[in-house]
């Protein structure tokens, strides 16, 4: 993997493949560049695709006390490596990071996100607050496995499946990045849609959700598309929280290619 230095000196590891307009993929909780590799391979014939280990994961450094602004600076450094401007696709909490970054002024003209896990509404905000407290309690106690279990259970993974995962080789890798669950939690704030910051997003933005995702998730995606000034919404039939790369890749290819053409013509 190549490396670039973020503003605070933290090394961020990334991979670049393909040839074409630059496109950065921003992974969600517990993901690394390897997680995004299948999707990157499908997009590489059309774009210069960058995947990376977000700070605290894989081959990237951490840099001490976390702040959302640090992750925005990491993304800025990657965009600098591919010419100073790029399209961005953010998955789940990576979508929240991508939105925050563009609202902060990063040169992202085209943006797509998949189900950023905001939890608006009184019940959603209470649920988020309780989950945040549980997560920080587990991490403070050094219970990395418990933190991973909590996250997986919140994403709908059954208890029996989590039990099998605990005995699988992948579990050690999940525990190694468990502390970054607090980073993703911080990206989502109190869980409400950050309306003021979303109003500052200037990029053409595609908000995608799965047709088999829970109704509240689909409703949040639709509300997000409305909150972003140049947003649009798309539902992927038959997909859930983790869409198949073969399902999401054509949607991203069409959006980024067509929208880039429109930008050049305008």
C-alpha atoms as a PDB file:
ATOM      1  CA  UNK A   1       0.000   0.000   0.000  1.00  0.00           C
ATOM      2  CA  UNK A   2       1.062   3.588  -0.587  1.00  0.00           C
ATOM      3  CA  UNK A   3       1.004   6.134   2.216  1.00  0.00           C
ATOM      4  CA  UNK A   4       0.260   9.809   2.547  1.00  0.00           C
ATOM      5  CA  UNK A   5       0.599  12.056   5.579  1.00  0.00           C
ATOM      6  CA  UNK A   6      -2.460  13.722   7.026  1.00  0.00           C
ATOM      7  CA  UNK A   7      -2.229  17.251   8.370  1.00  0.00           C
ATOM      8  CA  UNK A   8      -1.370  16.048  11.897  1.00  0.00           C
ATOM      9  CA  UNK A   9       1.399  13.805  10.576  1.00  0.00           C
ATOM     10  CA  UNK A  10      -0.561  10.554  10.762  1.00  0.00           C
ATOM     11  CA  UNK A  11       0.287   8.114   7.966  1.00  0.00           C
ATOM     12  CA  UNK A  12      -2.770   7.015   5.980  1.00  0.00           C
ATOM     13  CA  UNK A  13      -2.359   3.841   3.902  1.00  0.00           C
ATOM     14  CA  UNK A  14      -4.174   3.591   0.599  1.00  0.00           C
ATOM     15  CA  UNK A  15      -4.396   1.663  -2.660  1.00  0.00           C
ATOM     16  CA  UNK A  16      -4.973   3.144  -6.080  1.00  0.00           C
ATOM     17  CA  UNK A  17      -6.120   1.176  -9.126  1.00  0.00           C
ATOM     18  CA  UNK A  18      -7.645   1.883 -12.513  1.00  0.00           C
ATOM     19  CA  UNK A  19      -7.363   4.804 -14.887  1.00  0.00           C
ATOM     20  CA  UNK A  20      -9.896   7.598 -15.192  1.00  0.00           C
ATOM     21  CA  UNK A  21     -11.531  10.305 -13.064  1.00  0.00           C
ATOM     22  CA  UNK A  22     -10.526   9.893  -9.401  1.00  0.00           C
ATOM     23  CA  UNK A  23     -13.023   8.219  -7.059  1.00  0.00           C
ATOM     24  CA  UNK A  24     -12.358   7.688  -3.340  1.00  0.00           C
ATOM     25  CA  UNK A  25     -14.229   4.953  -1.451  1.00  0.00           C
ATOM     26  CA  UNK A  26     -14.821   5.635   2.256  1.00  0.00           C
ATOM     27  CA  UNK A  27     -15.623   2.521   4.278  1.00  0.00           C
ATOM     28  CA  UNK A  28     -17.925   2.170   7.248  1.00  0.00           C
ATOM     29  CA  UNK A  29     -17.377   0.847  10.757  1.00  0.00           C
ATOM     30  CA  UNK A  30     -14.721  -1.883  11.141  1.00  0.00           C
ATOM     31  CA  UNK A  31     -13.934  -1.808   7.409  1.00  0.00           C
ATOM     32  CA  UNK A  32     -10.515  -1.433   5.802  1.00  0.00           C
ATOM     33  CA  UNK A  33      -9.238  -0.981   2.265  1.00  0.00           C
ATOM     34  CA  UNK A  34      -9.491  -4.753   1.850  1.00  0.00           C
ATOM     35  CA  UNK A  35     -13.211  -4.603   2.633  1.00  0.00           C
ATOM     36  CA  UNK A  36     -13.776  -2.248  -0.296  1.00  0.00           C
ATOM     37  CA  UNK A  37     -11.545  -4.181  -2.706  1.00  0.00           C
ATOM     38  CA  UNK A  38     -14.342  -6.110  -4.499  1.00  0.00           C
ATOM     39  CA  UNK A  39     -16.265  -2.913  -5.278  1.00  0.00           C
ATOM     40  CA  UNK A  40     -13.070  -1.109  -6.259  1.00  0.00           C
ATOM     41  CA  UNK A  41     -12.234  -3.846  -8.762  1.00  0.00           C
ATOM     42  CA  UNK A  42     -15.614  -3.428 -10.454  1.00  0.00           C
ATOM     43  CA  UNK A  43     -15.172   0.358 -10.715  1.00  0.00           C
ATOM     44  CA  UNK A  44     -11.500   0.392 -11.711  1.00  0.00           C
ATOM     45  CA  UNK A  45     -12.173  -0.005 -15.466  1.00  0.00           C
ATOM     46  CA  UNK A  46     -13.891   3.397 -15.391  1.00  0.00           C
ATOM     47  CA  UNK A  47     -12.213   5.398 -12.603  1.00  0.00           C
ATOM     48  CA  UNK A  48      -8.975   5.774 -10.707  1.00  0.00           C
ATOM     49  CA  UNK A  49     -10.290   4.188  -7.527  1.00  0.00           C
ATOM     50  CA  UNK A  50      -8.724   4.886  -4.144  1.00  0.00           C
ATOM     51  CA  UNK A  51      -9.449   2.660  -1.145  1.00  0.00           C
ATOM     52  CA  UNK A  52      -7.843   3.314   2.220  1.00  0.00           C
ATOM     53  CA  UNK A  53      -7.519   2.239   5.813  1.00  0.00           C
ATOM     54  CA  UNK A  54      -9.221   4.910   7.854  1.00  0.00           C
ATOM     55  CA  UNK A  55      -7.139   6.116  10.786  1.00  0.00           C
ATOM     56  CA  UNK A  56      -6.670   3.579  13.528  1.00  0.00           C
ATOM     57  CA  UNK A  57      -7.206   0.655  11.153  1.00  0.00           C
ATOM     58  CA  UNK A  58      -5.020  -1.689   9.150  1.00  0.00           C
ATOM     59  CA  UNK A  59      -1.783  -0.083   8.000  1.00  0.00           C
ATOM     60  CA  UNK A  60      -2.782   3.493   8.863  1.00  0.00           C
ATOM     61  CA  UNK A  61      -1.674   5.328  11.973  1.00  0.00           C
ATOM     62  CA  UNK A  62      -3.962   6.708  14.641  1.00  0.00           C
ATOM     63  CA  UNK A  63      -2.549   9.994  15.885  1.00  0.00           C
ATOM     64  CA  UNK A  64      -3.860  10.219  19.404  1.00  0.00           C
ATOM     65  CA  UNK A  65      -7.103  11.819  20.500  1.00  0.00           C
ATOM     66  CA  UNK A  66      -9.827  11.422  17.893  1.00  0.00           C
ATOM     67  CA  UNK A  67     -11.705  14.278  16.246  1.00  0.00           C
ATOM     68  CA  UNK A  68     -13.982  14.231  13.214  1.00  0.00           C
ATOM     69  CA  UNK A  69     -11.866  17.018  11.756  1.00  0.00           C
ATOM     70  CA  UNK A  70      -8.847  14.702  11.723  1.00  0.00           C
ATOM     71  CA  UNK A  71     -10.692  12.205   9.509  1.00  0.00           C
ATOM     72  CA  UNK A  72     -11.717  15.029   7.199  1.00  0.00           C
ATOM     73  CA  UNK A  73      -8.039  15.981   6.959  1.00  0.00           C
ATOM     74  CA  UNK A  74      -7.190  12.352   6.138  1.00  0.00           C
ATOM     75  CA  UNK A  75      -9.636  12.413   3.239  1.00  0.00           C
ATOM     76  CA  UNK A  76      -8.253  15.764   2.109  1.00  0.00           C
ATOM     77  CA  UNK A  77      -4.763  14.268   1.983  1.00  0.00           C
ATOM     78  CA  UNK A  78      -5.979  11.394  -0.188  1.00  0.00           C
ATOM     79  CA  UNK A  79      -7.750  13.761  -2.560  1.00  0.00           C
ATOM     80  CA  UNK A  80      -4.508  15.702  -2.809  1.00  0.00           C
ATOM     81  CA  UNK A  81      -2.751  12.524  -3.906  1.00  0.00           C
ATOM     82  CA  UNK A  82      -5.087  12.138  -6.906  1.00  0.00           C
ATOM     83  CA  UNK A  83      -4.910  15.697  -8.194  1.00  0.00           C
ATOM     84  CA  UNK A  84      -6.743  17.875  -5.699  1.00  0.00           C
ATOM     85  CA  UNK A  85     -10.357  16.991  -6.528  1.00  0.00           C
ATOM     86  CA  UNK A  86     -12.308  13.735  -6.601  1.00  0.00           C
ATOM     87  CA  UNK A  87     -15.673  12.057  -6.496  1.00  0.00           C
ATOM     88  CA  UNK A  88     -16.426  10.209  -3.263  1.00  0.00           C
ATOM     89  CA  UNK A  89     -18.580   7.245  -2.284  1.00  0.00           C
ATOM     90  CA  UNK A  90     -19.201   6.694   1.423  1.00  0.00           C
ATOM     91  CA  UNK A  91     -20.620   3.482   2.853  1.00  0.00           C
ATOM     92  CA  UNK A  92     -22.739   3.633   6.031  1.00  0.00           C
ATOM     93  CA  UNK A  93     -20.824   5.724   8.625  1.00  0.00           C
ATOM     94  CA  UNK A  94     -18.292   6.391   5.869  1.00  0.00           C
ATOM     95  CA  UNK A  95     -21.154   8.202   4.158  1.00  0.00           C
ATOM     96  CA  UNK A  96     -21.548  10.430   7.202  1.00  0.00           C
ATOM     97  CA  UNK A  97     -17.816  11.197   7.013  1.00  0.00           C
ATOM     98  CA  UNK A  98     -18.075  11.988   3.307  1.00  0.00           C
ATOM     99  CA  UNK A  99     -20.978  14.376   3.929  1.00  0.00           C
ATOM    100  CA  UNK A 100     -19.127  16.119   6.759  1.00  0.00           C
ATOM    101  CA  UNK A 101     -16.035  16.453   4.575  1.00  0.00           C
ATOM    102  CA  UNK A 102     -17.865  17.992   1.637  1.00  0.00           C
ATOM    103  CA  UNK A 103     -19.794  20.340   3.914  1.00  0.00           C
ATOM    104  CA  UNK A 104     -16.434  21.439   5.329  1.00  0.00           C
ATOM    105  CA  UNK A 105     -15.322  22.467   1.862  1.00  0.00           C
ATOM    106  CA  UNK A 106     -13.340  19.533   0.508  1.00  0.00           C
ATOM    107  CA  UNK A 107     -13.193  19.577  -3.320  1.00  0.00           C
ATOM    108  CA  UNK A 108     -15.781  16.833  -3.883  1.00  0.00           C
ATOM    109  CA  UNK A 109     -18.019  17.711  -6.812  1.00  0.00           C
ATOM    110  CA  UNK A 110     -19.886  14.395  -6.949  1.00  0.00           C
ATOM    111  CA  UNK A 111     -20.876  12.450  -3.866  1.00  0.00           C
ATOM    112  CA  UNK A 112     -22.764   9.203  -3.283  1.00  0.00           C
ATOM    113  CA  UNK A 113     -23.610   7.664   0.095  1.00  0.00           C
ATOM    114  CA  UNK A 114     -25.226   4.403   1.124  1.00  0.00           C
ATOM    115  CA  UNK A 115     -27.441   4.415   4.221  1.00  0.00           C
ATOM    116  CA  UNK A 116     -25.565   6.742   6.584  1.00  0.00           C
ATOM    117  CA  UNK A 117     -26.878   5.359   9.910  1.00  0.00           C
ATOM    118  CA  UNK A 118     -28.471   8.444  11.402  1.00  0.00           C
ATOM    119  CA  UNK A 119     -31.304   7.730  13.848  1.00  0.00           C
ATOM    120  CA  UNK A 120     -33.577  10.803  13.816  1.00  0.00           C
ATOM    121  CA  UNK A 121     -36.705  11.121  15.947  1.00  0.00           C
ATOM    122  CA  UNK A 122     -37.120  10.962  19.748  1.00  0.00           C
ATOM    123  CA  UNK A 123     -36.889   7.160  19.935  1.00  0.00           C
ATOM    124  CA  UNK A 124     -33.888   7.112  17.621  1.00  0.00           C
ATOM    125  CA  UNK A 125     -32.005   9.752  19.585  1.00  0.00           C
ATOM    126  CA  UNK A 126     -32.656   7.928  22.874  1.00  0.00           C
ATOM    127  CA  UNK A 127     -31.496   4.658  21.346  1.00  0.00           C
ATOM    128  CA  UNK A 128     -28.338   6.314  20.023  1.00  0.00           C
ATOM    129  CA  UNK A 129     -27.538   7.837  23.414  1.00  0.00           C
ATOM    130  CA  UNK A 130     -27.919   4.475  25.154  1.00  0.00           C
ATOM    131  CA  UNK A 131     -25.781   2.695  22.565  1.00  0.00           C
ATOM    132  CA  UNK A 132     -23.076   5.354  22.819  1.00  0.00           C
ATOM    133  CA  UNK A 133     -22.957   4.940  26.595  1.00  0.00           C
ATOM    134  CA  UNK A 134     -22.734   1.134  26.319  1.00  0.00           C
ATOM    135  CA  UNK A 135     -20.024   1.316  23.656  1.00  0.00           C
ATOM    136  CA  UNK A 136     -17.819   3.705  25.624  1.00  0.00           C
ATOM    137  CA  UNK A 137     -18.332   1.646  28.768  1.00  0.00           C
ATOM    138  CA  UNK A 138     -17.133  -1.506  27.030  1.00  0.00           C
ATOM    139  CA  UNK A 139     -14.138   0.202  25.434  1.00  0.00           C
ATOM    140  CA  UNK A 140     -13.166   1.891  28.693  1.00  0.00           C
ATOM    141  CA  UNK A 141     -13.200  -1.540  30.358  1.00  0.00           C
ATOM    142  CA  UNK A 142     -10.954  -2.935  27.607  1.00  0.00           C
ATOM    143  CA  UNK A 143     -13.680  -5.279  26.393  1.00  0.00           C
ATOM    144  CA  UNK A 144     -12.977  -5.091  22.664  1.00  0.00           C
ATOM    145  CA  UNK A 145     -14.910  -8.262  21.965  1.00  0.00           C
ATOM    146  CA  UNK A 146     -17.932  -6.907  23.782  1.00  0.00           C
ATOM    147  CA  UNK A 147     -17.766  -3.697  21.733  1.00  0.00           C
ATOM    148  CA  UNK A 148     -17.685  -5.684  18.488  1.00  0.00           C
ATOM    149  CA  UNK A 149     -20.584  -7.833  19.711  1.00  0.00           C
ATOM    150  CA  UNK A 150     -22.601  -4.716  20.527  1.00  0.00           C
ATOM    151  CA  UNK A 151     -22.008  -3.247  17.098  1.00  0.00           C
ATOM    152  CA  UNK A 152     -22.871  -6.465  15.282  1.00  0.00           C
ATOM    153  CA  UNK A 153     -26.050  -6.937  17.283  1.00  0.00           C
ATOM    154  CA  UNK A 154     -27.123  -3.375  16.500  1.00  0.00           C
ATOM    155  CA  UNK A 155     -26.669  -4.063  12.793  1.00  0.00           C
ATOM    156  CA  UNK A 156     -28.952  -7.093  12.940  1.00  0.00           C
ATOM    157  CA  UNK A 157     -26.473  -9.957  13.222  1.00  0.00           C
ATOM    158  CA  UNK A 158     -28.058 -12.827  15.185  1.00  0.00           C
ATOM    159  CA  UNK A 159     -26.550 -13.961  18.483  1.00  0.00           C
ATOM    160  CA  UNK A 160     -25.816 -17.434  17.095  1.00  0.00           C
ATOM    161  CA  UNK A 161     -23.935 -15.944  14.159  1.00  0.00           C
ATOM    162  CA  UNK A 162     -21.899 -13.713  16.463  1.00  0.00           C
ATOM    163  CA  UNK A 163     -21.003 -16.799  18.499  1.00  0.00           C
ATOM    164  CA  UNK A 164     -19.687 -18.538  15.392  1.00  0.00           C
ATOM    165  CA  UNK A 165     -17.785 -15.415  14.361  1.00  0.00           C
ATOM    166  CA  UNK A 166     -16.028 -15.325  17.732  1.00  0.00           C
ATOM    167  CA  UNK A 167     -14.357 -18.653  16.966  1.00  0.00           C
ATOM    168  CA  UNK A 168     -13.420 -17.687  13.398  1.00  0.00           C
ATOM    169  CA  UNK A 169     -10.025 -16.229  12.373  1.00  0.00           C
ATOM    170  CA  UNK A 170     -11.642 -12.924  11.366  1.00  0.00           C
ATOM    171  CA  UNK A 171     -12.597 -12.120  14.959  1.00  0.00           C
ATOM    172  CA  UNK A 172      -9.081 -11.101  15.945  1.00  0.00           C
ATOM    173  CA  UNK A 173      -9.061  -8.576  13.103  1.00  0.00           C
ATOM    174  CA  UNK A 174     -12.387  -7.118  14.219  1.00  0.00           C
ATOM    175  CA  UNK A 175     -11.169  -6.761  17.799  1.00  0.00           C
ATOM    176  CA  UNK A 176      -8.005  -5.023  16.592  1.00  0.00           C
ATOM    177  CA  UNK A 177     -10.062  -2.112  15.228  1.00  0.00           C
ATOM    178  CA  UNK A 178     -12.809  -2.171  17.874  1.00  0.00           C
ATOM    179  CA  UNK A 179     -11.623   1.140  19.329  1.00  0.00           C
ATOM    180  CA  UNK A 180     -12.526   2.847  16.039  1.00  0.00           C
ATOM    181  CA  UNK A 181     -16.196   2.088  16.673  1.00  0.00           C
ATOM    182  CA  UNK A 182     -16.067   5.157  18.924  1.00  0.00           C
ATOM    183  CA  UNK A 183     -14.851   7.164  15.913  1.00  0.00           C
ATOM    184  CA  UNK A 184     -17.833   6.118  13.808  1.00  0.00           C
ATOM    185  CA  UNK A 185     -20.127   6.816  16.729  1.00  0.00           C
ATOM    186  CA  UNK A 186     -18.714  10.341  16.976  1.00  0.00           C
ATOM    187  CA  UNK A 187     -19.331  10.921  13.257  1.00  0.00           C
ATOM    188  CA  UNK A 188     -23.059  10.452  13.843  1.00  0.00           C
ATOM    189  CA  UNK A 189     -23.309  12.961  16.701  1.00  0.00           C
ATOM    190  CA  UNK A 190     -26.544  12.492  18.606  1.00  0.00           C
ATOM    191  CA  UNK A 191     -28.049  10.571  15.695  1.00  0.00           C
ATOM    192  CA  UNK A 192     -30.136  13.403  14.246  1.00  0.00           C
ATOM    193  CA  UNK A 193     -29.712  14.515  10.651  1.00  0.00           C
ATOM    194  CA  UNK A 194     -27.233  17.426  10.902  1.00  0.00           C
ATOM    195  CA  UNK A 195     -29.498  19.759   8.950  1.00  0.00           C
ATOM    196  CA  UNK A 196     -27.314  22.865   9.187  1.00  0.00           C
ATOM    197  CA  UNK A 197     -24.206  21.076   7.909  1.00  0.00           C
ATOM    198  CA  UNK A 198     -26.145  19.173   5.247  1.00  0.00           C
ATOM    199  CA  UNK A 199     -27.382  22.501   3.911  1.00  0.00           C
ATOM    200  CA  UNK A 200     -23.722  23.343   3.224  1.00  0.00           C
ATOM    201  CA  UNK A 201     -23.190  20.314   0.970  1.00  0.00           C
ATOM    202  CA  UNK A 202     -22.708  21.732  -2.529  1.00  0.00           C
ATOM    203  CA  UNK A 203     -21.966  18.495  -4.383  1.00  0.00           C
ATOM    204  CA  UNK A 204     -24.463  16.684  -6.534  1.00  0.00           C
ATOM    205  CA  UNK A 205     -25.352  13.905  -4.114  1.00  0.00           C
ATOM    206  CA  UNK A 206     -26.906  10.482  -4.574  1.00  0.00           C
ATOM    207  CA  UNK A 207     -28.352   8.859  -1.451  1.00  0.00           C
ATOM    208  CA  UNK A 208     -28.878   5.116  -1.889  1.00  0.00           C
ATOM    209  CA  UNK A 209     -30.679   2.617   0.317  1.00  0.00           C
ATOM    210  CA  UNK A 210     -31.620  -1.043   0.041  1.00  0.00           C
ATOM    211  CA  UNK A 211     -35.144  -2.115  -0.811  1.00  0.00           C
ATOM    212  CA  UNK A 212     -34.980  -4.806   1.892  1.00  0.00           C
ATOM    213  CA  UNK A 213     -33.580  -2.463   4.538  1.00  0.00           C
ATOM    214  CA  UNK A 214     -35.875  -1.576   7.475  1.00  0.00           C
ATOM    215  CA  UNK A 215     -38.528   1.056   6.782  1.00  0.00           C
ATOM    216  CA  UNK A 216     -36.923   3.541   9.194  1.00  0.00           C
ATOM    217  CA  UNK A 217     -33.599   3.249   7.343  1.00  0.00           C
ATOM    218  CA  UNK A 218     -35.265   3.866   3.989  1.00  0.00           C
ATOM    219  CA  UNK A 219     -37.188   6.832   5.401  1.00  0.00           C
ATOM    220  CA  UNK A 220     -33.974   8.326   6.791  1.00  0.00           C
ATOM    221  CA  UNK A 221     -32.270   7.979   3.412  1.00  0.00           C
ATOM    222  CA  UNK A 222     -35.145   9.783   1.725  1.00  0.00           C
ATOM    223  CA  UNK A 223     -35.068  12.556   4.336  1.00  0.00           C
ATOM    224  CA  UNK A 224     -31.318  12.893   3.850  1.00  0.00           C
ATOM    225  CA  UNK A 225     -31.719  13.289   0.091  1.00  0.00           C
ATOM    226  CA  UNK A 226     -34.204  16.095   0.719  1.00  0.00           C
ATOM    227  CA  UNK A 227     -31.940  17.809   3.259  1.00  0.00           C
ATOM    228  CA  UNK A 228     -28.986  17.984   0.856  1.00  0.00           C
ATOM    229  CA  UNK A 229     -29.555  20.899  -1.571  1.00  0.00           C
ATOM    230  CA  UNK A 230     -28.585  18.926  -4.693  1.00  0.00           C
ATOM    231  CA  UNK A 231     -29.582  15.505  -3.437  1.00  0.00           C
ATOM    232  CA  UNK A 232     -31.454  12.695  -5.096  1.00  0.00           C
ATOM    233  CA  UNK A 233     -32.577   9.310  -3.815  1.00  0.00           C
ATOM    234  CA  UNK A 234     -32.297   5.800  -5.231  1.00  0.00           C
ATOM    235  CA  UNK A 235     -33.504   2.464  -3.836  1.00  0.00           C
ATOM    236  CA  UNK A 236     -31.638  -0.717  -4.743  1.00  0.00           C
ATOM    237  CA  UNK A 237     -34.192  -3.491  -5.116  1.00  0.00           C
ATOM    238  CA  UNK A 238     -33.412  -6.596  -3.092  1.00  0.00           C
ATOM    239  CA  UNK A 239     -30.464  -5.107  -1.186  1.00  0.00           C
ATOM    240  CA  UNK A 240     -29.986  -4.617   2.543  1.00  0.00           C
ATOM    241  CA  UNK A 241     -27.453  -2.906   4.793  1.00  0.00           C
ATOM    242  CA  UNK A 242     -24.537  -4.455   2.918  1.00  0.00           C
ATOM    243  CA  UNK A 243     -25.335  -4.324  -0.798  1.00  0.00           C
ATOM    244  CA  UNK A 244     -23.656  -6.761  -3.154  1.00  0.00           C
ATOM    245  CA  UNK A 245     -20.796  -5.057  -5.009  1.00  0.00           C
ATOM    246  CA  UNK A 246     -22.340  -6.242  -8.273  1.00  0.00           C
ATOM    247  CA  UNK A 247     -25.550  -4.410  -7.361  1.00  0.00           C
ATOM    248  CA  UNK A 248     -24.120  -1.061  -6.269  1.00  0.00           C
ATOM    249  CA  UNK A 249     -21.273  -0.781  -8.802  1.00  0.00           C
ATOM    250  CA  UNK A 250     -23.448  -0.089 -11.895  1.00  0.00           C
ATOM    251  CA  UNK A 251     -25.393   2.564  -9.980  1.00  0.00           C
ATOM    252  CA  UNK A 252     -22.198   4.329  -8.951  1.00  0.00           C
ATOM    253  CA  UNK A 253     -20.685   4.021 -12.415  1.00  0.00           C
ATOM    254  CA  UNK A 254     -23.728   5.598 -14.045  1.00  0.00           C
ATOM    255  CA  UNK A 255     -24.061   8.364 -11.461  1.00  0.00           C
ATOM    256  CA  UNK A 256     -20.441   9.458 -11.412  1.00  0.00           C
ATOM    257  CA  UNK A 257     -19.997   9.178 -15.185  1.00  0.00           C
ATOM    258  CA  UNK A 258     -23.254  10.912 -16.154  1.00  0.00           C
ATOM    259  CA  UNK A 259     -23.000  13.613 -13.523  1.00  0.00           C
ATOM    260  CA  UNK A 260     -19.410  14.354 -14.513  1.00  0.00           C
ATOM    261  CA  UNK A 261     -20.564  14.813 -18.088  1.00  0.00           C
ATOM    262  CA  UNK A 262     -23.312  17.195 -16.942  1.00  0.00           C
ATOM    263  CA  UNK A 263     -20.823  19.224 -14.917  1.00  0.00           C
ATOM    264  CA  UNK A 264     -18.515  19.606 -17.882  1.00  0.00           C
ATOM    265  CA  UNK A 265     -21.409  20.702 -20.097  1.00  0.00           C
ATOM    266  CA  UNK A 266     -22.770  23.272 -17.613  1.00  0.00           C
END
